[in-house]
Amino acid sequence: MAHIDLAQMDAGQSGKVITMHGGRGMTAKLEALGIRPGVVITKVSGQIMRGPVIVRVGNTQIAIGFGMARRVIVEI
């Protein structure tokens, strides 16, 4: 099973969140959006050049910044 960051996932690909690298504030913000370890998320789309990454958590679609997406590690 491969571990990659959220920004590297392909559109339509799903994975389970393993860990989040970042400070307490960033981690708290992601958890408030429903992105936390153990949750399965699906990447809806992402821009080629460092634009926002759109993910689906349950029935909710969320856009997060490219830098933040690079810190979310998922297991495919």
C-alpha atoms as a PDB file:
ATOM      1  CA  MET A   1       0.000   0.000   0.000  1.00  0.00           C
ATOM      2  CA  ALA A   2       1.417   3.308  -1.093  1.00  0.00           C
ATOM      3  CA  HIS A   3       1.555   6.407   1.080  1.00  0.00           C
ATOM      4  CA  ILE A   4       1.396   9.658  -0.881  1.00  0.00           C
ATOM      5  CA  ASP A   5       0.264  13.176  -0.141  1.00  0.00           C
ATOM      6  CA  LEU A   6      -3.161  14.429  -1.126  1.00  0.00           C
ATOM      7  CA  ALA A   7      -1.772  16.673  -3.876  1.00  0.00           C
ATOM      8  CA  GLN A   8      -0.247  13.635  -5.636  1.00  0.00           C
ATOM      9  CA  MET A   9      -3.517  11.687  -5.785  1.00  0.00           C
ATOM     10  CA  ASP A  10      -5.289  11.397  -9.128  1.00  0.00           C
ATOM     11  CA  ALA A  11      -8.806  12.788  -9.573  1.00  0.00           C
ATOM     12  CA  GLY A  12     -11.340  10.151  -8.568  1.00  0.00           C
ATOM     13  CA  GLN A  13      -8.823   8.286  -6.419  1.00  0.00           C
ATOM     14  CA  SER A  14      -9.685   7.484  -2.798  1.00  0.00           C
ATOM     15  CA  GLY A  15      -7.452   6.926   0.183  1.00  0.00           C
ATOM     16  CA  LYS A  16      -7.447   6.735   3.953  1.00  0.00           C
ATOM     17  CA  VAL A  17      -5.838   9.612   5.835  1.00  0.00           C
ATOM     18  CA  ILE A  18      -2.792   8.301   7.719  1.00  0.00           C
ATOM     19  CA  THR A  19      -1.297  11.466   9.201  1.00  0.00           C
ATOM     20  CA  MET A  20      -1.104  15.226   8.808  1.00  0.00           C
ATOM     21  CA  HIS A  21       2.196  17.088   8.999  1.00  0.00           C
ATOM     22  CA  GLY A  22       1.774  20.572  10.377  1.00  0.00           C
ATOM     23  CA  GLY A  23       1.227  22.709  13.394  1.00  0.00           C
ATOM     24  CA  ARG A  24      -1.647  22.551  15.811  1.00  0.00           C
ATOM     25  CA  GLY A  25      -3.563  25.293  13.980  1.00  0.00           C
ATOM     26  CA  MET A  26      -3.405  23.579  10.593  1.00  0.00           C
ATOM     27  CA  THR A  27      -4.297  20.203  12.087  1.00  0.00           C
ATOM     28  CA  ALA A  28      -7.254  21.721  13.942  1.00  0.00           C
ATOM     29  CA  LYS A  29      -8.495  23.430  10.758  1.00  0.00           C
ATOM     30  CA  LEU A  30      -8.343  20.161   8.778  1.00  0.00           C
ATOM     31  CA  GLU A  31     -10.094  18.256  11.580  1.00  0.00           C
ATOM     32  CA  ALA A  32     -12.838  20.899  11.662  1.00  0.00           C
ATOM     33  CA  LEU A  33     -13.365  20.184   7.939  1.00  0.00           C
ATOM     34  CA  GLY A  34     -13.672  16.455   8.687  1.00  0.00           C
ATOM     35  CA  ILE A  35     -10.175  15.499   7.489  1.00  0.00           C
ATOM     36  CA  ARG A  36      -8.563  13.443  10.242  1.00  0.00           C
ATOM     37  CA  PRO A  37      -6.586  10.187  10.493  1.00  0.00           C
ATOM     38  CA  GLY A  38      -8.672   7.120   9.634  1.00  0.00           C
ATOM     39  CA  VAL A  39     -11.141   8.969   7.384  1.00  0.00           C
ATOM     40  CA  VAL A  40     -11.474   7.902   3.747  1.00  0.00           C
ATOM     41  CA  ILE A  41     -11.366  10.839   1.330  1.00  0.00           C
ATOM     42  CA  THR A  42     -11.748  11.052  -2.452  1.00  0.00           C
ATOM     43  CA  LYS A  43      -9.944  13.620  -4.569  1.00  0.00           C
ATOM     44  CA  VAL A  44     -12.423  15.309  -6.885  1.00  0.00           C
ATOM     45  CA  SER A  45     -10.028  17.582  -8.759  1.00  0.00           C
ATOM     46  CA  GLY A  46      -6.843  19.573  -8.492  1.00  0.00           C
ATOM     47  CA  GLN A  47      -5.133  22.200 -10.579  1.00  0.00           C
ATOM     48  CA  ILE A  48      -1.931  21.450 -12.450  1.00  0.00           C
ATOM     49  CA  MET A  49      -0.098  24.513 -11.176  1.00  0.00           C
ATOM     50  CA  ARG A  50      -0.529  24.584  -7.402  1.00  0.00           C
ATOM     51  CA  GLY A  51      -4.194  25.549  -7.323  1.00  0.00           C
ATOM     52  CA  PRO A  52      -6.728  24.403  -4.744  1.00  0.00           C
ATOM     53  CA  VAL A  53      -7.381  20.687  -4.306  1.00  0.00           C
ATOM     54  CA  ILE A  54     -11.028  19.630  -4.053  1.00  0.00           C
ATOM     55  CA  VAL A  55     -11.775  16.531  -1.973  1.00  0.00           C
ATOM     56  CA  ARG A  56     -14.924  14.720  -0.902  1.00  0.00           C
ATOM     57  CA  VAL A  57     -15.290  13.734   2.736  1.00  0.00           C
ATOM     58  CA  GLY A  58     -18.524  11.785   3.155  1.00  0.00           C
ATOM     59  CA  ASN A  59     -21.140  13.803   1.236  1.00  0.00           C
ATOM     60  CA  THR A  60     -19.256  17.098   1.515  1.00  0.00           C
ATOM     61  CA  GLN A  61     -16.859  18.621  -1.009  1.00  0.00           C
ATOM     62  CA  ILE A  62     -14.064  20.758   0.416  1.00  0.00           C
ATOM     63  CA  ALA A  63     -11.432  22.893  -1.323  1.00  0.00           C
ATOM     64  CA  ILE A  64      -8.089  23.121   0.451  1.00  0.00           C
ATOM     65  CA  GLY A  65      -4.928  24.895  -0.586  1.00  0.00           C
ATOM     66  CA  PHE A  66      -2.151  23.080  -2.419  1.00  0.00           C
ATOM     67  CA  GLY A  67       0.340  23.596   0.427  1.00  0.00           C
ATOM     68  CA  MET A  68      -2.086  22.156   2.951  1.00  0.00           C
ATOM     69  CA  ALA A  69      -2.876  19.209   0.648  1.00  0.00           C
ATOM     70  CA  ARG A  70       0.854  18.394   0.482  1.00  0.00           C
ATOM     71  CA  ARG A  71       0.849  17.851   4.254  1.00  0.00           C
ATOM     72  CA  VAL A  72      -2.004  15.326   4.317  1.00  0.00           C
ATOM     73  CA  ILE A  73      -0.592  11.814   3.892  1.00  0.00           C
ATOM     74  CA  VAL A  74      -2.993   9.142   2.597  1.00  0.00           C
ATOM     75  CA  GLU A  75      -2.798   5.408   2.056  1.00  0.00           C
ATOM     76  CA  ILE A  76      -4.097   4.365  -1.366  1.00  0.00           C
END
